[in-house]
């Protein structure tokens, strides 16, 4: 089972050193002392190296999540997992989770 995603998990866009940070967290639920993140929370991307048009279609500015836990919710919203799929705008590339807590897992 994959681990739940929390506020300070290392999330990156596909273009290093682009870093993603959640714009909100679920304050009622914590893992490893950090609030978790739910599927409806967009991520703000900073530091993306994808060049703007005409050299590319970047940089990544935001990321959203397409999938989340099928069984665990916080405030009625599915929680994010380290395996959740995502997409960045405007590039259309995914975010990836490089590091997160591993104690709490879900499906």
N, C-alpha and C. Protein backbone atom coordinates (compact mmCIF):
# COMPACT_ATOMS: atom_id res chain seq x y z
N UNK A 1 0.84 -1.18 0.00
CA UNK A 1 0.00 0.00 0.00
C UNK A 1 0.88 1.24 0.00
N UNK A 2 0.49 2.26 -0.75
CA UNK A 2 1.28 3.50 -0.80
C UNK A 2 1.04 4.39 0.42
N UNK A 3 2.00 5.21 0.72
CA UNK A 3 1.95 6.12 1.86
C UNK A 3 1.14 7.38 1.53
N UNK A 4 0.56 7.98 2.60
CA UNK A 4 -0.16 9.24 2.45
C UNK A 4 0.83 10.38 2.23
N UNK A 5 0.40 11.38 1.47
CA UNK A 5 1.22 12.55 1.19
C UNK A 5 0.97 13.61 2.26
N UNK A 6 2.01 14.25 2.73
CA UNK A 6 1.89 15.29 3.74
C UNK A 6 2.47 16.60 3.23
N UNK A 7 2.28 17.66 4.00
CA UNK A 7 2.64 19.02 3.59
C UNK A 7 4.08 19.14 3.11
N UNK A 8 5.03 18.59 3.83
CA UNK A 8 6.44 18.79 3.49
C UNK A 8 7.06 17.66 2.69
N UNK A 9 6.22 16.84 2.06
CA UNK A 9 6.76 15.81 1.16
C UNK A 9 7.48 16.51 0.01
N UNK A 10 8.50 15.88 -0.52
CA UNK A 10 9.25 16.44 -1.63
C UNK A 10 8.52 16.10 -2.93
N UNK A 11 7.88 17.11 -3.52
CA UNK A 11 7.13 16.96 -4.76
C UNK A 11 7.80 17.86 -5.80
N UNK A 12 8.08 17.30 -6.97
CA UNK A 12 8.76 18.05 -8.02
C UNK A 12 8.02 17.91 -9.33
N UNK A 13 8.15 18.94 -10.17
CA UNK A 13 7.65 18.80 -11.54
C UNK A 13 8.69 17.99 -12.32
N UNK A 14 8.44 17.73 -13.57
CA UNK A 14 9.33 16.89 -14.38
C UNK A 14 10.59 17.61 -14.83
N UNK A 15 10.72 18.89 -14.48
CA UNK A 15 11.84 19.70 -14.95
C UNK A 15 12.63 20.24 -13.77
N UNK A 16 13.65 19.51 -13.32
CA UNK A 16 14.43 19.94 -12.17
C UNK A 16 14.95 21.36 -12.35
N UNK A 17 15.03 22.12 -11.31
CA UNK A 17 14.76 21.79 -9.92
C UNK A 17 13.36 22.18 -9.45
N UNK A 18 12.37 22.15 -10.35
CA UNK A 18 11.00 22.57 -10.02
C UNK A 18 10.45 21.90 -8.77
N UNK A 19 10.01 22.69 -7.82
CA UNK A 19 9.48 22.20 -6.55
C UNK A 19 8.01 22.53 -6.43
N UNK A 20 7.22 21.59 -5.91
CA UNK A 20 5.80 21.81 -5.70
C UNK A 20 5.47 21.90 -4.22
N UNK A 21 4.60 22.85 -3.88
CA UNK A 21 4.12 23.01 -2.52
C UNK A 21 2.60 23.11 -2.54
N UNK A 22 1.91 22.43 -1.61
CA UNK A 22 0.46 22.52 -1.58
C UNK A 22 0.01 23.92 -1.20
N UNK A 23 -1.10 24.36 -1.79
CA UNK A 23 -1.64 25.68 -1.47
C UNK A 23 -2.50 25.63 -0.22
N UNK A 24 -2.85 24.44 0.25
CA UNK A 24 -3.63 24.26 1.48
C UNK A 24 -3.36 22.85 2.01
N UNK A 25 -3.72 22.63 3.26
CA UNK A 25 -3.58 21.31 3.88
C UNK A 25 -4.84 20.99 4.65
N UNK A 26 -4.96 19.74 5.07
CA UNK A 26 -6.07 19.33 5.91
C UNK A 26 -5.62 19.45 7.36
N UNK A 27 -6.01 20.50 8.07
CA UNK A 27 -5.48 20.75 9.42
C UNK A 27 -5.93 19.74 10.47
N UNK A 28 -6.98 18.97 10.19
CA UNK A 28 -7.50 18.03 11.18
C UNK A 28 -6.78 16.69 11.20
N UNK A 29 -6.02 16.39 10.14
CA UNK A 29 -5.36 15.08 10.03
C UNK A 29 -3.86 15.28 9.82
N UNK A 30 -3.06 14.62 10.65
CA UNK A 30 -1.60 14.72 10.53
C UNK A 30 -0.99 13.34 10.49
N UNK A 31 0.14 13.23 9.79
CA UNK A 31 0.97 12.03 9.81
C UNK A 31 2.40 12.50 10.03
N UNK A 32 3.12 11.81 10.87
CA UNK A 32 4.49 12.20 11.23
C UNK A 32 4.55 13.66 11.66
N UNK A 33 3.49 14.13 12.33
CA UNK A 33 3.45 15.50 12.83
C UNK A 33 3.19 16.57 11.79
N UNK A 34 2.81 16.17 10.58
CA UNK A 34 2.57 17.13 9.52
C UNK A 34 1.17 16.92 8.94
N UNK A 35 0.48 18.02 8.58
CA UNK A 35 -0.85 17.87 8.00
C UNK A 35 -0.79 17.19 6.65
N UNK A 36 -1.83 16.42 6.35
CA UNK A 36 -1.90 15.73 5.06
C UNK A 36 -2.49 16.65 4.00
N UNK A 37 -2.46 16.18 2.76
CA UNK A 37 -2.97 16.94 1.62
C UNK A 37 -4.06 16.12 0.95
N UNK A 38 -5.12 16.79 0.50
CA UNK A 38 -6.23 16.11 -0.16
C UNK A 38 -6.21 16.37 -1.67
N UNK A 39 -7.00 15.58 -2.39
CA UNK A 39 -6.98 15.60 -3.85
C UNK A 39 -7.35 16.96 -4.46
N UNK A 40 -8.19 17.73 -3.82
CA UNK A 40 -8.64 19.00 -4.41
C UNK A 40 -7.64 20.13 -4.23
N UNK A 41 -6.54 19.88 -3.54
CA UNK A 41 -5.54 20.92 -3.28
C UNK A 41 -4.59 21.08 -4.46
N UNK A 42 -4.57 22.26 -5.09
CA UNK A 42 -3.57 22.49 -6.13
C UNK A 42 -2.19 22.72 -5.52
N UNK A 43 -1.18 22.46 -6.29
CA UNK A 43 0.20 22.73 -5.89
C UNK A 43 0.74 23.90 -6.68
N UNK A 44 1.53 24.74 -6.02
CA UNK A 44 2.23 25.84 -6.67
C UNK A 44 3.62 25.33 -7.02
N UNK A 45 4.03 25.51 -8.27
CA UNK A 45 5.34 25.04 -8.73
C UNK A 45 6.27 26.24 -8.86
N UNK A 46 7.47 26.11 -8.31
CA UNK A 46 8.48 27.16 -8.47
C UNK A 46 9.80 26.53 -8.90
N UNK A 47 10.58 27.26 -9.67
CA UNK A 47 11.89 26.80 -10.08
C UNK A 47 11.92 25.86 -11.26
N UNK A 48 10.82 25.72 -12.00
CA UNK A 48 10.77 24.83 -13.16
C UNK A 48 11.74 25.33 -14.23
N UNK A 49 12.51 24.41 -14.81
CA UNK A 49 13.51 24.78 -15.81
C UNK A 49 13.01 24.68 -17.25
N UNK A 50 11.74 24.29 -17.46
CA UNK A 50 11.21 24.21 -18.82
C UNK A 50 11.12 25.61 -19.40
N UNK A 51 11.74 25.86 -20.56
CA UNK A 51 11.71 27.21 -21.13
C UNK A 51 10.32 27.58 -21.65
N UNK A 52 10.04 28.88 -21.68
CA UNK A 52 8.77 29.35 -22.23
C UNK A 52 8.76 29.24 -23.75
N UNK A 53 7.60 29.45 -24.39
CA UNK A 53 7.57 29.44 -25.85
C UNK A 53 8.58 30.45 -26.38
N UNK A 54 9.26 30.24 -27.36
CA UNK A 54 9.26 29.24 -28.40
C UNK A 54 10.17 28.06 -28.11
N UNK A 55 10.92 28.11 -27.04
CA UNK A 55 11.82 27.02 -26.68
C UNK A 55 11.14 25.85 -26.00
N UNK A 56 9.94 26.04 -25.51
CA UNK A 56 9.19 25.00 -24.81
C UNK A 56 7.78 25.50 -24.55
N UNK A 57 7.08 24.88 -23.63
CA UNK A 57 5.74 25.36 -23.27
C UNK A 57 5.64 25.59 -21.76
N UNK A 58 6.76 25.91 -21.16
CA UNK A 58 6.82 26.07 -19.72
C UNK A 58 6.99 27.51 -19.32
N UNK A 59 7.34 27.72 -18.10
CA UNK A 59 7.60 26.75 -17.05
C UNK A 59 6.32 26.26 -16.38
N UNK A 60 6.44 25.14 -15.65
CA UNK A 60 5.30 24.65 -14.86
C UNK A 60 4.97 25.70 -13.80
N UNK A 61 3.68 25.97 -13.61
CA UNK A 61 3.23 26.98 -12.65
C UNK A 61 2.38 26.34 -11.56
N UNK A 62 1.48 25.43 -11.94
CA UNK A 62 0.62 24.76 -10.98
C UNK A 62 0.56 23.27 -11.30
N UNK A 63 0.17 22.51 -10.30
CA UNK A 63 -0.04 21.08 -10.48
C UNK A 63 -1.34 20.67 -9.81
N UNK A 64 -2.08 19.78 -10.45
CA UNK A 64 -3.31 19.25 -9.88
C UNK A 64 -3.25 17.72 -9.89
N UNK A 65 -4.06 17.12 -9.03
CA UNK A 65 -4.03 15.67 -8.84
C UNK A 65 -5.25 15.02 -9.47
N UNK A 66 -5.04 13.97 -10.26
CA UNK A 66 -6.12 13.25 -10.91
C UNK A 66 -6.61 12.06 -10.10
N UNK A 67 -5.73 11.44 -9.33
CA UNK A 67 -6.12 10.28 -8.54
C UNK A 67 -5.73 10.48 -7.08
N UNK A 68 -6.39 9.73 -6.21
CA UNK A 68 -6.12 9.79 -4.77
C UNK A 68 -6.58 8.47 -4.16
N UNK A 69 -6.59 8.42 -2.84
CA UNK A 69 -7.01 7.21 -2.14
C UNK A 69 -8.45 6.85 -2.49
N UNK A 70 -8.71 5.57 -2.65
CA UNK A 70 -10.06 5.08 -2.91
C UNK A 70 -10.83 4.83 -1.63
N UNK A 71 -10.11 4.77 -0.51
CA UNK A 71 -10.77 4.37 0.74
C UNK A 71 -10.65 5.38 1.88
N UNK A 72 -9.66 6.27 1.84
CA UNK A 72 -9.43 7.18 2.96
C UNK A 72 -9.72 8.61 2.54
N UNK A 73 -10.53 9.30 3.38
CA UNK A 73 -10.89 10.69 3.11
C UNK A 73 -10.64 11.54 4.34
N UNK A 74 -10.42 12.82 4.12
CA UNK A 74 -10.32 13.82 5.19
C UNK A 74 -11.31 14.91 4.85
N UNK A 75 -12.22 15.20 5.77
CA UNK A 75 -13.30 16.17 5.51
C UNK A 75 -14.07 15.83 4.23
N UNK A 76 -14.23 14.54 3.96
CA UNK A 76 -15.00 14.09 2.82
C UNK A 76 -14.27 14.11 1.49
N UNK A 77 -12.98 14.43 1.50
CA UNK A 77 -12.19 14.52 0.27
C UNK A 77 -11.10 13.44 0.30
N UNK A 78 -10.90 12.70 -0.79
CA UNK A 78 -9.86 11.67 -0.82
C UNK A 78 -8.48 12.26 -0.52
N UNK A 79 -7.70 11.54 0.28
CA UNK A 79 -6.35 11.99 0.60
C UNK A 79 -5.39 11.58 -0.52
N UNK A 80 -4.30 12.34 -0.66
CA UNK A 80 -3.30 12.04 -1.68
C UNK A 80 -2.36 10.95 -1.19
N UNK A 81 -1.89 10.16 -2.14
CA UNK A 81 -0.93 9.10 -1.89
C UNK A 81 0.34 9.40 -2.67
N UNK A 82 1.45 8.80 -2.28
CA UNK A 82 2.69 9.03 -3.02
C UNK A 82 2.59 8.51 -4.45
N UNK A 83 1.61 7.66 -4.74
CA UNK A 83 1.42 7.12 -6.08
C UNK A 83 0.32 7.84 -6.86
N UNK A 84 -0.27 8.89 -6.29
CA UNK A 84 -1.34 9.62 -6.99
C UNK A 84 -0.80 10.23 -8.28
N UNK A 85 -1.62 10.22 -9.33
CA UNK A 85 -1.19 10.81 -10.60
C UNK A 85 -1.58 12.28 -10.64
N UNK A 86 -0.79 13.04 -11.39
CA UNK A 86 -0.96 14.49 -11.42
C UNK A 86 -0.62 15.05 -12.79
N UNK A 87 -0.90 16.33 -12.95
CA UNK A 87 -0.55 17.02 -14.18
C UNK A 87 -0.23 18.48 -13.86
N UNK A 88 0.82 19.00 -14.50
CA UNK A 88 1.23 20.39 -14.32
C UNK A 88 0.70 21.24 -15.46
N UNK A 89 0.42 22.49 -15.16
CA UNK A 89 0.02 23.44 -16.19
C UNK A 89 1.11 24.50 -16.29
N UNK A 90 1.44 24.94 -17.46
CA UNK A 90 0.83 24.63 -18.75
C UNK A 90 1.50 23.49 -19.51
N UNK A 91 2.46 22.79 -18.92
CA UNK A 91 3.26 21.83 -19.69
C UNK A 91 2.58 20.49 -19.94
N UNK A 92 1.64 20.09 -19.07
CA UNK A 92 0.99 18.79 -19.24
C UNK A 92 1.82 17.63 -18.74
N UNK A 93 2.90 17.91 -18.04
CA UNK A 93 3.76 16.86 -17.50
C UNK A 93 3.36 16.54 -16.06
N UNK A 94 3.71 15.38 -15.54
CA UNK A 94 3.30 15.02 -14.17
C UNK A 94 4.24 15.60 -13.11
N UNK A 95 3.71 15.67 -11.89
CA UNK A 95 4.55 15.90 -10.72
C UNK A 95 4.97 14.53 -10.23
N UNK A 96 6.06 14.47 -9.48
CA UNK A 96 6.48 13.20 -8.89
C UNK A 96 6.85 13.43 -7.43
N UNK A 97 6.57 12.45 -6.62
CA UNK A 97 6.88 12.52 -5.19
C UNK A 97 8.21 11.83 -4.99
N UNK A 98 9.20 12.58 -4.51
CA UNK A 98 10.54 12.03 -4.30
C UNK A 98 10.75 11.53 -2.88
N UNK A 99 10.05 12.14 -1.90
CA UNK A 99 10.21 11.74 -0.51
C UNK A 99 8.95 12.10 0.27
N UNK A 100 8.53 11.20 1.14
CA UNK A 100 7.37 11.43 2.00
C UNK A 100 7.47 10.49 3.19
N UNK A 101 6.60 10.70 4.17
CA UNK A 101 6.55 9.79 5.31
C UNK A 101 6.14 8.41 4.81
N UNK A 102 6.49 7.37 5.54
CA UNK A 102 6.18 6.01 5.11
C UNK A 102 5.39 5.21 6.14
N UNK A 103 5.03 5.84 7.26
CA UNK A 103 4.37 5.10 8.34
C UNK A 103 2.89 4.85 8.07
N UNK A 104 2.18 5.83 7.50
CA UNK A 104 0.75 5.70 7.30
C UNK A 104 0.47 5.44 5.83
N UNK A 105 -0.25 4.35 5.58
CA UNK A 105 -0.52 3.94 4.21
C UNK A 105 -2.01 3.76 3.98
N UNK A 106 -2.41 3.80 2.71
CA UNK A 106 -3.83 3.63 2.35
C UNK A 106 -3.93 3.07 0.95
N UNK A 107 -5.15 2.74 0.58
CA UNK A 107 -5.42 2.28 -0.80
C UNK A 107 -6.19 3.34 -1.54
